[in-house]
């Protein structure tokens, strides 16, 4: 099966397909609507051969469809018919979940994306469960995201932020009984030392996750009824 993977971000949309070694990067931003995204992707991949599509979406996804509008893009994503627009079957999951799936190496894995906010996903024995841990209460009336997201980094400074990352990893790893934690997102590179039981992820793993979405081994993560 030949798969086109689309990783949607606030500044760029990255695209890769089966049989291609290098991804294509398309500028995004607050004026990018889903229709503009589809048009740009189709133009950038003209001549590419693919049968199905995986989309990593920067927002909540429920039952294979965007549930909330993205913060850093244009409007119209909720309710948009991606299958009709592309003319191919489409699977959509949260972007952090897609990177988590590509980072997975068996067992119980917790993925935490340290970026503007805090992305999160749990995978247990090949089954992916996207999570929304970011806004749960953590300390002093603030959420986990308030401490380890970009706002927390700015408020606390690097050293205190690194300490909070270690504490958050320790708490969530224990609470979810994870065998190991993968730290992804652009700010993970700021850590001098990794907390025990963790390893660094890689943004390129999002493409691997997109390819895995169509693998029967991980079919429990995206049931057939959620293919659009």
N, C-alpha and C. Protein backbone atom coordinates (compact mmCIF):
# COMPACT_ATOMS: atom_id res chain seq x y z
N UNK A 1 0.84 -1.20 0.00
CA UNK A 1 0.00 0.00 0.00
C UNK A 1 0.88 1.25 0.00
N UNK A 2 0.59 2.18 -0.87
CA UNK A 2 1.34 3.42 -0.94
C UNK A 2 0.59 4.52 -0.20
N UNK A 3 1.30 5.15 0.74
CA UNK A 3 0.68 6.07 1.70
C UNK A 3 1.29 7.47 1.58
N UNK A 4 0.44 8.47 1.62
CA UNK A 4 0.88 9.86 1.71
C UNK A 4 0.67 10.32 3.15
N UNK A 5 1.72 10.82 3.78
CA UNK A 5 1.64 11.29 5.16
C UNK A 5 1.76 12.81 5.18
N UNK A 6 0.81 13.45 5.86
CA UNK A 6 0.78 14.91 5.97
C UNK A 6 0.86 15.29 7.45
N UNK A 7 1.92 16.00 7.81
CA UNK A 7 2.12 16.44 9.19
C UNK A 7 1.89 17.95 9.22
N UNK A 8 0.75 18.36 9.80
CA UNK A 8 0.34 19.76 9.76
C UNK A 8 0.86 20.51 10.99
N UNK A 9 1.59 21.58 10.76
CA UNK A 9 2.10 22.40 11.85
C UNK A 9 1.68 23.85 11.69
N UNK A 10 1.95 24.65 12.70
CA UNK A 10 1.55 26.04 12.69
C UNK A 10 2.35 26.90 11.74
N UNK A 11 3.56 26.46 11.38
CA UNK A 11 4.40 27.23 10.45
C UNK A 11 4.65 26.50 9.14
N UNK A 12 4.59 25.16 9.18
CA UNK A 12 4.81 24.38 7.96
C UNK A 12 3.93 23.13 7.94
N UNK A 13 3.63 22.68 6.74
CA UNK A 13 3.02 21.38 6.51
C UNK A 13 4.09 20.52 5.84
N UNK A 14 4.38 19.37 6.45
CA UNK A 14 5.41 18.48 5.91
C UNK A 14 4.73 17.25 5.29
N UNK A 15 5.22 16.85 4.12
CA UNK A 15 4.57 15.80 3.35
C UNK A 15 5.61 14.79 2.88
N UNK A 16 5.29 13.51 3.04
CA UNK A 16 6.15 12.43 2.58
C UNK A 16 5.29 11.26 2.13
N UNK A 17 5.74 10.54 1.14
CA UNK A 17 4.98 9.39 0.63
C UNK A 17 5.86 8.16 0.53
N UNK A 18 5.25 7.02 0.52
CA UNK A 18 5.94 5.76 0.31
C UNK A 18 6.80 5.84 -0.95
N UNK A 19 8.07 5.44 -0.82
CA UNK A 19 8.97 5.45 -1.96
C UNK A 19 9.76 6.73 -2.14
N UNK A 20 9.47 7.75 -1.31
CA UNK A 20 10.20 9.01 -1.38
C UNK A 20 11.10 9.13 -0.15
N UNK A 21 12.31 9.64 -0.34
CA UNK A 21 13.26 9.74 0.75
C UNK A 21 13.20 11.08 1.47
N UNK A 22 12.86 12.14 0.76
CA UNK A 22 12.84 13.47 1.35
C UNK A 22 11.42 14.02 1.41
N UNK A 23 11.11 14.68 2.52
CA UNK A 23 9.78 15.26 2.64
C UNK A 23 9.74 16.62 1.96
N UNK A 24 8.54 17.04 1.61
CA UNK A 24 8.29 18.36 1.05
C UNK A 24 7.72 19.24 2.16
N UNK A 25 8.21 20.47 2.24
CA UNK A 25 7.76 21.40 3.28
C UNK A 25 7.00 22.56 2.64
N UNK A 26 5.79 22.79 3.15
CA UNK A 26 4.91 23.83 2.61
C UNK A 26 4.63 24.85 3.72
N UNK A 27 4.82 26.14 3.47
CA UNK A 27 4.51 27.14 4.50
C UNK A 27 3.03 27.09 4.88
N UNK A 28 2.74 27.25 6.17
CA UNK A 28 1.34 27.29 6.62
C UNK A 28 1.11 28.65 7.28
N UNK A 29 0.51 28.67 8.47
CA UNK A 29 0.27 29.94 9.15
C UNK A 29 -1.20 30.25 9.32
N UNK A 30 -1.53 31.41 9.89
CA UNK A 30 -2.91 31.73 10.28
C UNK A 30 -3.89 31.87 9.12
N UNK A 31 -3.40 31.96 7.90
CA UNK A 31 -4.30 32.08 6.75
C UNK A 31 -4.55 30.73 6.07
N UNK A 32 -3.93 29.68 6.57
CA UNK A 32 -4.10 28.38 5.91
C UNK A 32 -5.38 27.70 6.37
N UNK A 33 -6.32 27.56 5.46
CA UNK A 33 -7.55 26.81 5.69
C UNK A 33 -7.33 25.38 5.20
N UNK A 34 -8.22 24.46 5.52
CA UNK A 34 -8.05 23.09 5.02
C UNK A 34 -8.08 23.02 3.50
N UNK A 35 -8.92 23.82 2.87
CA UNK A 35 -8.99 23.82 1.40
C UNK A 35 -7.65 24.27 0.81
N UNK A 36 -7.04 25.31 1.40
CA UNK A 36 -5.74 25.78 0.92
C UNK A 36 -4.66 24.73 1.17
N UNK A 37 -4.75 24.03 2.29
CA UNK A 37 -3.79 22.98 2.59
C UNK A 37 -3.88 21.88 1.54
N UNK A 38 -5.10 21.44 1.24
CA UNK A 38 -5.28 20.38 0.25
C UNK A 38 -4.74 20.81 -1.10
N UNK A 39 -5.05 22.03 -1.50
CA UNK A 39 -4.59 22.53 -2.78
C UNK A 39 -3.07 22.58 -2.85
N UNK A 40 -2.43 23.05 -1.76
CA UNK A 40 -0.98 23.14 -1.73
C UNK A 40 -0.32 21.77 -1.74
N UNK A 41 -0.90 20.83 -1.00
CA UNK A 41 -0.34 19.48 -0.96
C UNK A 41 -0.49 18.80 -2.32
N UNK A 42 -1.63 18.93 -2.94
CA UNK A 42 -1.83 18.32 -4.26
C UNK A 42 -0.85 18.89 -5.29
N UNK A 43 -0.61 20.20 -5.20
CA UNK A 43 0.33 20.82 -6.14
C UNK A 43 1.76 20.34 -5.88
N UNK A 44 2.13 20.23 -4.59
CA UNK A 44 3.49 19.84 -4.24
C UNK A 44 3.78 18.38 -4.52
N UNK A 45 2.74 17.56 -4.59
CA UNK A 45 2.92 16.11 -4.78
C UNK A 45 2.41 15.65 -6.15
N UNK A 46 2.30 16.57 -7.07
CA UNK A 46 1.83 16.21 -8.41
C UNK A 46 2.76 15.15 -9.02
N UNK A 47 2.16 14.08 -9.50
CA UNK A 47 2.94 12.99 -10.07
C UNK A 47 3.29 11.90 -9.08
N UNK A 48 3.05 12.15 -7.78
CA UNK A 48 3.30 11.12 -6.77
C UNK A 48 2.19 10.07 -6.83
N UNK A 49 2.56 8.84 -6.51
CA UNK A 49 1.60 7.74 -6.54
C UNK A 49 1.29 7.30 -5.11
N UNK A 50 0.04 7.47 -4.69
CA UNK A 50 -0.37 7.03 -3.36
C UNK A 50 -1.85 6.64 -3.38
N UNK A 51 -2.20 5.71 -2.49
CA UNK A 51 -3.56 5.17 -2.46
C UNK A 51 -4.38 5.71 -1.28
N UNK A 52 -3.71 5.96 -0.15
CA UNK A 52 -4.39 6.39 1.06
C UNK A 52 -3.58 7.51 1.70
N UNK A 53 -4.19 8.19 2.68
CA UNK A 53 -3.54 9.36 3.29
C UNK A 53 -3.65 9.29 4.81
N UNK A 54 -2.56 9.65 5.49
CA UNK A 54 -2.55 9.85 6.94
C UNK A 54 -2.30 11.32 7.22
N UNK A 55 -3.08 11.89 8.14
CA UNK A 55 -2.92 13.29 8.49
C UNK A 55 -2.69 13.43 9.99
N UNK A 56 -1.60 14.12 10.36
CA UNK A 56 -1.35 14.50 11.74
C UNK A 56 -1.88 15.91 11.95
N UNK A 57 -2.87 16.05 12.80
CA UNK A 57 -3.61 17.31 12.95
C UNK A 57 -3.25 18.01 14.26
N UNK A 58 -2.96 19.32 14.24
CA UNK A 58 -2.54 20.03 15.46
C UNK A 58 -3.71 20.47 16.34
N UNK A 59 -4.44 19.51 16.83
CA UNK A 59 -5.60 19.78 17.67
C UNK A 59 -6.26 18.47 18.06
N UNK A 60 -7.32 18.56 18.83
CA UNK A 60 -8.02 17.36 19.28
C UNK A 60 -8.73 16.67 18.12
N UNK A 61 -8.64 15.34 18.09
CA UNK A 61 -9.30 14.53 17.07
C UNK A 61 -10.16 13.49 17.79
N UNK A 62 -11.43 13.41 17.44
CA UNK A 62 -12.34 12.44 18.05
C UNK A 62 -12.99 11.63 16.95
N UNK A 63 -12.93 10.31 17.08
CA UNK A 63 -13.50 9.40 16.09
C UNK A 63 -12.99 9.70 14.68
N UNK A 64 -11.70 10.03 14.60
CA UNK A 64 -11.08 10.23 13.31
C UNK A 64 -11.39 11.55 12.63
N UNK A 65 -11.95 12.50 13.37
CA UNK A 65 -12.28 13.81 12.79
C UNK A 65 -11.80 14.92 13.71
N UNK A 66 -11.32 16.04 13.14
CA UNK A 66 -10.94 17.18 13.98
C UNK A 66 -12.12 17.63 14.85
N UNK A 67 -11.84 17.82 16.14
CA UNK A 67 -12.87 18.18 17.10
C UNK A 67 -12.83 19.65 17.48
N UNK A 68 -11.65 20.23 17.37
CA UNK A 68 -11.47 21.66 17.66
C UNK A 68 -10.67 22.29 16.54
N UNK A 69 -10.85 23.59 16.36
CA UNK A 69 -10.08 24.31 15.35
C UNK A 69 -8.64 24.51 15.86
N UNK A 70 -7.65 24.47 14.98
CA UNK A 70 -6.26 24.68 15.41
C UNK A 70 -6.01 26.13 15.80
N UNK A 71 -5.07 26.34 16.73
CA UNK A 71 -4.81 27.69 17.25
C UNK A 71 -4.06 28.56 16.25
N UNK A 72 -3.17 27.97 15.48
CA UNK A 72 -2.25 28.77 14.66
C UNK A 72 -2.54 28.73 13.17
N UNK A 73 -3.70 28.21 12.79
CA UNK A 73 -4.06 28.11 11.38
C UNK A 73 -5.39 28.82 11.13
N UNK A 74 -5.84 28.82 9.87
CA UNK A 74 -7.13 29.40 9.54
C UNK A 74 -8.26 28.54 10.06
N UNK A 75 -9.49 28.90 9.74
CA UNK A 75 -10.66 28.19 10.26
C UNK A 75 -11.23 27.24 9.21
N UNK A 76 -12.21 26.44 9.65
CA UNK A 76 -12.91 25.55 8.74
C UNK A 76 -12.48 24.10 8.78
N UNK A 77 -11.62 23.74 9.73
CA UNK A 77 -11.09 22.37 9.78
C UNK A 77 -12.11 21.38 10.33
N UNK A 78 -12.88 21.81 11.32
CA UNK A 78 -13.90 20.91 11.88
C UNK A 78 -15.03 20.75 10.86
N UNK A 79 -15.30 19.51 10.51
CA UNK A 79 -16.36 19.23 9.54
C UNK A 79 -15.91 19.20 8.10
N UNK A 80 -14.64 19.51 7.84
CA UNK A 80 -14.15 19.50 6.46
C UNK A 80 -14.06 18.06 5.95
N UNK A 81 -14.44 17.84 4.69
CA UNK A 81 -14.44 16.50 4.09
C UNK A 81 -13.11 16.27 3.38
N UNK A 82 -12.15 15.70 4.10
CA UNK A 82 -10.82 15.48 3.55
C UNK A 82 -10.82 14.39 2.48
N UNK A 83 -11.63 13.36 2.67
CA UNK A 83 -11.68 12.29 1.68
C UNK A 83 -12.17 12.83 0.34
N UNK A 84 -13.19 13.63 0.36
CA UNK A 84 -13.73 14.19 -0.88
C UNK A 84 -12.70 15.11 -1.52
N UNK A 85 -12.03 15.91 -0.71
CA UNK A 85 -11.07 16.87 -1.24
C UNK A 85 -9.87 16.19 -1.89
N UNK A 86 -9.39 15.11 -1.28
CA UNK A 86 -8.23 14.41 -1.81
C UNK A 86 -8.59 13.29 -2.78
N UNK A 87 -9.83 12.80 -2.68
CA UNK A 87 -10.22 11.68 -3.52
C UNK A 87 -9.57 10.37 -3.11
N UNK A 88 -9.22 10.26 -1.82
CA UNK A 88 -8.57 9.06 -1.28
C UNK A 88 -9.10 8.81 0.13
N UNK A 89 -9.06 7.56 0.61
CA UNK A 89 -9.36 7.29 2.02
C UNK A 89 -8.35 8.01 2.92
N UNK A 90 -8.84 8.56 4.03
CA UNK A 90 -7.99 9.37 4.91
C UNK A 90 -8.16 8.91 6.36
N UNK A 91 -7.03 8.81 7.07
CA UNK A 91 -7.05 8.61 8.52
C UNK A 91 -6.43 9.86 9.16
N UNK A 92 -7.11 10.39 10.19
CA UNK A 92 -6.65 11.60 10.87
C UNK A 92 -6.46 11.31 12.35
N UNK A 93 -5.30 11.68 12.89
CA UNK A 93 -5.07 11.61 14.33
C UNK A 93 -4.33 12.87 14.76
N UNK A 94 -4.29 13.11 16.04
CA UNK A 94 -3.54 14.24 16.59
C UNK A 94 -2.07 14.12 16.20
N UNK A 95 -1.43 15.26 15.95
CA UNK A 95 -0.04 15.22 15.48
C UNK A 95 0.92 14.61 16.50
N UNK A 96 0.69 14.87 17.79
CA UNK A 96 1.54 14.26 18.82
C UNK A 96 1.34 12.74 18.85
N UNK A 97 0.11 12.30 18.64
CA UNK A 97 -0.18 10.88 18.62
C UNK A 97 0.51 10.20 17.44
N UNK A 98 0.56 10.90 16.30
CA UNK A 98 1.21 10.32 15.13
C UNK A 98 2.70 10.18 15.36
N UNK A 99 3.32 11.20 16.00
CA UNK A 99 4.74 11.09 16.32
C UNK A 99 4.98 9.99 17.36
N UNK A 100 4.03 9.85 18.29
CA UNK A 100 4.15 8.80 19.30
C UNK A 100 4.14 7.42 18.64
N UNK A 101 3.23 7.21 17.72
CA UNK A 101 3.13 5.92 17.05
C UNK A 101 4.42 5.59 16.30
N UNK A 102 5.03 6.61 15.71
CA UNK A 102 6.28 6.39 15.00
C UNK A 102 7.46 6.17 15.92
N UNK A 103 7.34 6.55 17.19
CA UNK A 103 8.42 6.40 18.17
C UNK A 103 8.32 5.08 18.94
N UNK A 104 7.23 4.38 18.78
CA UNK A 104 6.91 3.23 19.63
C UNK A 104 7.83 2.04 19.38
N UNK A 105 8.29 1.41 20.48
CA UNK A 105 9.16 0.22 20.39
C UNK A 105 8.65 -0.90 21.29
N UNK A 106 7.32 -0.99 21.42
CA UNK A 106 6.73 -2.08 22.18
C UNK A 106 6.43 -1.72 23.62
N UNK A 107 5.63 -2.59 24.29
CA UNK A 107 5.32 -2.40 25.70
C UNK A 107 4.35 -1.25 25.94
N UNK A 108 4.54 -0.59 27.09
CA UNK A 108 3.71 0.56 27.47
C UNK A 108 4.55 1.82 27.34
N UNK A 109 4.24 2.66 26.39
CA UNK A 109 5.02 3.86 26.13
C UNK A 109 4.18 5.11 26.32
N UNK A 110 4.72 6.07 27.08
CA UNK A 110 4.11 7.38 27.21
C UNK A 110 4.91 8.36 26.36
N UNK A 111 4.21 9.10 25.51
CA UNK A 111 4.85 10.13 24.70
C UNK A 111 4.45 11.50 25.22
N UNK A 112 5.44 12.37 25.42
CA UNK A 112 5.19 13.75 25.83
C UNK A 112 5.89 14.68 24.84
N UNK A 113 5.13 15.56 24.22
CA UNK A 113 5.67 16.50 23.26
C UNK A 113 5.87 17.86 23.90
N UNK A 114 7.13 18.24 24.04
CA UNK A 114 7.47 19.51 24.69
C UNK A 114 7.61 20.58 23.61
N UNK A 115 6.53 21.30 23.36
CA UNK A 115 6.53 22.34 22.35
C UNK A 115 5.88 23.59 22.89
N UNK A 116 5.06 24.21 22.08
CA UNK A 116 4.29 25.37 22.54
C UNK A 116 3.43 24.98 23.73
N UNK A 117 2.80 23.82 23.62
CA UNK A 117 2.02 23.26 24.72
C UNK A 117 2.65 21.96 25.18
N UNK A 118 1.80 21.01 25.54
CA UNK A 118 2.25 19.68 25.96
C UNK A 118 1.39 18.64 25.26
N UNK A 119 1.94 18.01 24.23
CA UNK A 119 1.24 16.93 23.56
C UNK A 119 1.44 15.63 24.33
N UNK A 120 0.49 14.72 24.24
CA UNK A 120 0.63 13.47 24.99
C UNK A 120 -0.14 12.34 24.33
N UNK A 121 0.41 11.14 24.47
CA UNK A 121 -0.26 9.94 23.97
C UNK A 121 0.31 8.73 24.71
N UNK A 122 -0.50 7.72 24.86
CA UNK A 122 -0.09 6.47 25.50
C UNK A 122 -0.31 5.32 24.52
N UNK A 123 0.66 4.44 24.41
CA UNK A 123 0.51 3.25 23.57
C UNK A 123 0.75 2.02 24.45
N UNK A 124 -0.21 1.12 24.44
CA UNK A 124 -0.13 -0.10 25.23
C UNK A 124 -0.32 -1.29 24.31
N UNK A 125 0.72 -2.09 24.17
CA UNK A 125 0.67 -3.30 23.33
C UNK A 125 0.07 -2.98 21.95
N UNK A 126 0.66 -2.01 21.28
CA UNK A 126 0.34 -1.64 19.89
C UNK A 126 -0.94 -0.83 19.73
N UNK A 127 -1.64 -0.55 20.80
CA UNK A 127 -2.88 0.24 20.70
C UNK A 127 -2.62 1.66 21.19
N UNK A 128 -2.87 2.61 20.32
CA UNK A 128 -2.61 4.02 20.60
C UNK A 128 -3.82 4.68 21.24
N UNK A 129 -3.57 5.45 22.31
CA UNK A 129 -4.61 6.23 22.95
C UNK A 129 -4.14 7.68 23.07
N UNK A 130 -4.60 8.55 22.17
CA UNK A 130 -4.26 9.97 22.30
C UNK A 130 -4.80 10.51 23.63
N UNK A 131 -4.06 11.40 24.25
CA UNK A 131 -4.46 11.91 25.56
C UNK A 131 -4.41 13.43 25.59
N UNK A 132 -5.10 14.01 26.56
CA UNK A 132 -5.10 15.46 26.77
C UNK A 132 -4.70 15.73 28.22
N UNK A 133 -3.42 15.47 28.51
CA UNK A 133 -2.91 15.65 29.87
C UNK A 133 -2.52 17.10 30.15
N UNK A 134 -2.35 17.88 29.11
CA UNK A 134 -1.76 19.21 29.24
C UNK A 134 -2.48 20.10 30.24
N UNK A 135 -3.81 20.03 30.27
CA UNK A 135 -4.58 20.99 31.06
C UNK A 135 -5.03 20.44 32.42
N UNK A 136 -4.54 19.27 32.79
CA UNK A 136 -4.83 18.75 34.13
C UNK A 136 -4.08 19.59 35.17
N UNK A 137 -4.66 19.77 36.35
CA UNK A 137 -3.99 20.58 37.38
C UNK A 137 -2.70 19.94 37.85
N UNK A 138 -1.68 20.76 38.06
CA UNK A 138 -0.37 20.26 38.48
C UNK A 138 0.08 20.90 39.79
N UNK A 139 0.36 22.21 39.78
CA UNK A 139 0.83 22.88 40.98
C UNK A 139 0.31 24.31 41.04
N UNK A 140 -0.01 24.77 42.26
CA UNK A 140 -0.35 26.17 42.51
C UNK A 140 -1.41 26.71 41.55
N UNK A 141 -2.40 25.89 41.27
CA UNK A 141 -3.48 26.33 40.40
C UNK A 141 -3.14 26.35 38.93
N UNK A 142 -1.96 25.87 38.58
CA UNK A 142 -1.53 25.84 37.19
C UNK A 142 -1.53 24.40 36.67
N UNK A 143 -1.58 24.27 35.36
CA UNK A 143 -1.63 22.95 34.71
C UNK A 143 -0.23 22.44 34.39
N UNK A 144 -0.17 21.19 33.94
CA UNK A 144 1.11 20.63 33.48
C UNK A 144 1.69 21.49 32.36
N UNK A 145 0.84 21.89 31.42
CA UNK A 145 1.29 22.70 30.29
C UNK A 145 1.85 24.04 30.74
N UNK A 146 1.26 24.61 31.80
CA UNK A 146 1.73 25.90 32.31
C UNK A 146 3.16 25.82 32.82
N UNK A 147 3.59 24.62 33.20
CA UNK A 147 4.94 24.45 33.73
C UNK A 147 5.93 23.96 32.69
N UNK A 148 5.54 23.05 31.81
CA UNK A 148 6.53 22.47 30.89
C UNK A 148 6.31 22.88 29.43
N UNK A 149 5.27 23.66 29.15
CA UNK A 149 5.08 24.22 27.82
C UNK A 149 5.96 25.45 27.63
N UNK A 150 5.79 26.11 26.50
CA UNK A 150 6.61 27.26 26.18
C UNK A 150 6.44 28.40 27.18
N UNK A 151 5.21 28.60 27.68
CA UNK A 151 4.97 29.64 28.67
C UNK A 151 5.73 29.36 29.95
N UNK A 152 5.78 28.11 30.34
CA UNK A 152 6.52 27.73 31.54
C UNK A 152 8.01 27.95 31.37
N UNK A 153 8.52 27.64 30.20
CA UNK A 153 9.94 27.86 29.92
C UNK A 153 10.28 29.34 30.05
N UNK A 154 9.41 30.19 29.52
CA UNK A 154 9.65 31.63 29.59
C UNK A 154 9.54 32.18 31.00
N UNK A 155 8.59 31.64 31.77
CA UNK A 155 8.36 32.14 33.13
C UNK A 155 9.42 31.64 34.11
N UNK A 156 9.82 30.39 33.96
CA UNK A 156 10.71 29.77 34.93
C UNK A 156 12.19 29.91 34.60
N UNK A 157 12.50 30.03 33.32
CA UNK A 157 13.90 29.95 32.90
C UNK A 157 14.30 28.50 32.68
N UNK A 158 15.40 28.27 31.98
CA UNK A 158 15.76 26.91 31.56
C UNK A 158 16.00 25.95 32.71
N UNK A 159 16.73 26.39 33.73
CA UNK A 159 17.09 25.47 34.80
C UNK A 159 15.87 24.98 35.58
N UNK A 160 15.00 25.90 36.00
CA UNK A 160 13.81 25.50 36.73
C UNK A 160 12.84 24.72 35.82
N UNK A 161 12.79 25.11 34.55
CA UNK A 161 11.95 24.39 33.59
C UNK A 161 12.42 22.94 33.45
N UNK A 162 13.72 22.74 33.36
CA UNK A 162 14.26 21.37 33.26
C UNK A 162 13.89 20.55 34.48
N UNK A 163 13.95 21.17 35.66
CA UNK A 163 13.56 20.46 36.88
C UNK A 163 12.09 20.06 36.83
N UNK A 164 11.23 20.95 36.36
CA UNK A 164 9.81 20.64 36.28
C UNK A 164 9.52 19.55 35.26
N UNK A 165 10.27 19.54 34.17
CA UNK A 165 10.11 18.46 33.19
C UNK A 165 10.39 17.11 33.85
N UNK A 166 11.47 17.04 34.63
CA UNK A 166 11.80 15.79 35.33
C UNK A 166 10.69 15.38 36.28
N UNK A 167 10.14 16.35 37.01
CA UNK A 167 9.07 16.05 37.96
C UNK A 167 7.80 15.58 37.25
N UNK A 168 7.46 16.24 36.15
CA UNK A 168 6.26 15.88 35.40
C UNK A 168 6.42 14.49 34.79
N UNK A 169 7.58 14.22 34.23
CA UNK A 169 7.83 12.89 33.66
C UNK A 169 7.70 11.82 34.73
N UNK A 170 8.30 12.09 35.89
CA UNK A 170 8.24 11.12 36.99
C UNK A 170 6.80 10.84 37.41
N UNK A 171 6.01 11.90 37.58
CA UNK A 171 4.62 11.74 38.01
C UNK A 171 3.79 10.98 36.98
N UNK A 172 3.86 11.41 35.73
CA UNK A 172 3.00 10.82 34.71
C UNK A 172 3.42 9.40 34.37
N UNK A 173 4.72 9.14 34.38
CA UNK A 173 5.21 7.78 34.13
C UNK A 173 4.68 6.82 35.19
N UNK A 174 4.72 7.27 36.45
CA UNK A 174 4.22 6.42 37.54
C UNK A 174 2.70 6.26 37.48
N UNK A 175 1.99 7.36 37.23
CA UNK A 175 0.53 7.31 37.22
C UNK A 175 -0.01 6.42 36.10
N UNK A 176 0.66 6.42 34.96
CA UNK A 176 0.19 5.66 33.80
C UNK A 176 0.91 4.32 33.64
N UNK A 177 1.79 4.02 34.60
CA UNK A 177 2.52 2.75 34.62
C UNK A 177 3.23 2.48 33.30
N UNK A 178 3.87 3.51 32.77
CA UNK A 178 4.58 3.36 31.51
C UNK A 178 5.92 2.67 31.72
N UNK A 179 6.29 1.83 30.76
CA UNK A 179 7.61 1.19 30.80
C UNK A 179 8.70 2.21 30.49
N UNK A 180 8.39 3.14 29.61
CA UNK A 180 9.35 4.16 29.22
C UNK A 180 8.61 5.37 28.67
N UNK A 181 9.32 6.50 28.60
CA UNK A 181 8.75 7.76 28.13
C UNK A 181 9.59 8.27 26.96
N UNK A 182 8.93 8.70 25.92
CA UNK A 182 9.62 9.35 24.80
C UNK A 182 9.29 10.85 24.85
N UNK A 183 10.32 11.67 24.84
CA UNK A 183 10.16 13.12 24.86
C UNK A 183 10.41 13.68 23.46
N UNK A 184 9.35 14.23 22.88
CA UNK A 184 9.45 14.82 21.56
C UNK A 184 9.17 16.31 21.64
N UNK A 185 8.95 16.93 20.48
CA UNK A 185 8.69 18.36 20.45
C UNK A 185 9.98 19.16 20.38
N UNK A 186 9.87 20.39 19.92
CA UNK A 186 11.05 21.20 19.67
C UNK A 186 11.85 21.56 20.90
N UNK A 187 11.24 21.58 22.09
CA UNK A 187 11.97 21.99 23.29
C UNK A 187 12.65 20.84 24.02
N UNK A 188 12.41 19.61 23.58
CA UNK A 188 13.07 18.47 24.22
C UNK A 188 14.59 18.57 24.10
N UNK A 189 15.06 19.23 23.04
CA UNK A 189 16.51 19.38 22.81
C UNK A 189 17.17 20.28 23.86
N UNK A 190 16.36 21.02 24.64
CA UNK A 190 16.90 21.92 25.66
C UNK A 190 17.28 21.19 26.94
N UNK A 191 16.93 19.93 27.05
CA UNK A 191 17.24 19.17 28.26
C UNK A 191 18.70 18.75 28.26
N UNK A 192 19.42 19.06 29.34
CA UNK A 192 20.82 18.65 29.44
C UNK A 192 20.92 17.16 29.77
N UNK A 193 20.07 16.72 30.67
CA UNK A 193 20.04 15.32 31.06
C UNK A 193 18.61 14.81 30.96
N UNK A 194 18.46 13.60 30.47
CA UNK A 194 17.12 13.02 30.35
C UNK A 194 16.70 12.40 31.67
N UNK A 195 15.44 12.55 32.05
CA UNK A 195 14.95 11.88 33.25
C UNK A 195 15.10 10.36 33.11
N UNK A 196 15.19 9.65 34.22
CA UNK A 196 15.31 8.18 34.15
C UNK A 196 14.15 7.56 33.38
N UNK A 197 14.47 6.56 32.58
CA UNK A 197 13.43 5.83 31.84
C UNK A 197 12.89 6.58 30.65
N UNK A 198 13.64 7.55 30.12
CA UNK A 198 13.17 8.31 28.97
C UNK A 198 14.20 8.27 27.84
N UNK A 199 13.74 8.57 26.64
CA UNK A 199 14.63 8.78 25.50
C UNK A 199 14.05 9.89 24.64
N UNK A 200 14.89 10.50 23.84
CA UNK A 200 14.45 11.57 22.97
C UNK A 200 13.74 11.02 21.73
N UNK A 201 12.70 11.71 21.32
CA UNK A 201 12.04 11.37 20.08
C UNK A 201 12.66 12.16 18.94
N UNK A 202 11.98 12.10 17.80
CA UNK A 202 12.46 12.81 16.61
C UNK A 202 11.24 13.22 15.81
N UNK A 203 11.21 14.47 15.34
CA UNK A 203 10.05 14.92 14.58
C UNK A 203 9.81 14.08 13.33
N UNK A 204 10.88 13.49 12.80
CA UNK A 204 10.74 12.64 11.61
C UNK A 204 9.93 11.38 11.91
N UNK A 205 9.82 11.02 13.20
CA UNK A 205 9.04 9.84 13.56
C UNK A 205 7.55 10.01 13.24
N UNK A 206 7.12 11.26 13.05
CA UNK A 206 5.72 11.49 12.67
C UNK A 206 5.40 10.79 11.35
N UNK A 207 6.34 10.79 10.43
CA UNK A 207 6.11 10.12 9.15
C UNK A 207 6.00 8.61 9.34
N UNK A 208 6.89 8.06 10.18
CA UNK A 208 6.81 6.63 10.47
C UNK A 208 5.46 6.29 11.09
N UNK A 209 4.96 7.17 11.97
CA UNK A 209 3.65 6.96 12.57
C UNK A 209 2.54 6.98 11.53
N UNK A 210 2.65 7.90 10.57
CA UNK A 210 1.65 7.96 9.50
C UNK A 210 1.63 6.71 8.66
N UNK A 211 2.79 6.15 8.40
CA UNK A 211 2.84 4.89 7.65
C UNK A 211 2.25 3.74 8.48
N UNK A 212 2.54 3.74 9.77
CA UNK A 212 2.06 2.66 10.64
C UNK A 212 0.54 2.67 10.82
N UNK A 213 -0.08 3.82 10.63
CA UNK A 213 -1.54 3.90 10.80
C UNK A 213 -2.28 2.90 9.94
N UNK A 214 -1.71 2.55 8.79
CA UNK A 214 -2.37 1.63 7.86
C UNK A 214 -1.88 0.20 8.01
N UNK A 215 -1.01 -0.04 8.99
CA UNK A 215 -0.51 -1.38 9.27
C UNK A 215 -1.52 -2.12 10.16
N UNK A 216 -1.88 -3.32 9.79
CA UNK A 216 -2.89 -4.07 10.55
C UNK A 216 -2.47 -4.28 12.01
N UNK A 217 -1.18 -4.28 12.25
CA UNK A 217 -0.69 -4.45 13.62
C UNK A 217 -1.22 -3.37 14.54
N UNK A 218 -1.41 -2.16 13.99
CA UNK A 218 -1.85 -1.02 14.79
C UNK A 218 -3.29 -0.63 14.46
N UNK A 219 -4.05 -1.54 13.89
CA UNK A 219 -5.41 -1.21 13.44
C UNK A 219 -6.33 -0.82 14.59
N UNK A 220 -6.02 -1.29 15.82
CA UNK A 220 -6.83 -0.90 16.97
C UNK A 220 -6.74 0.58 17.28
N UNK A 221 -5.67 1.23 16.80
CA UNK A 221 -5.50 2.65 17.06
C UNK A 221 -6.44 3.50 16.22
N UNK A 222 -6.76 3.03 15.03
CA UNK A 222 -7.65 3.77 14.12
C UNK A 222 -8.59 2.76 13.46
N UNK A 223 -9.67 2.39 14.14
CA UNK A 223 -10.61 1.41 13.59
C UNK A 223 -11.11 1.80 12.21
N UNK A 224 -11.53 0.81 11.44
CA UNK A 224 -11.99 1.05 10.08
C UNK A 224 -13.13 2.05 10.02
N UNK A 225 -13.96 2.08 11.06
CA UNK A 225 -15.09 3.01 11.03
C UNK A 225 -14.65 4.47 11.14
N UNK A 226 -13.36 4.69 11.48
CA UNK A 226 -12.84 6.06 11.58
C UNK A 226 -12.06 6.46 10.34
N UNK A 227 -12.09 5.62 9.29
CA UNK A 227 -11.47 5.99 8.02
C UNK A 227 -12.48 6.78 7.21
N UNK A 228 -12.06 7.94 6.73
CA UNK A 228 -12.99 8.82 6.02
C UNK A 228 -12.51 9.03 4.59
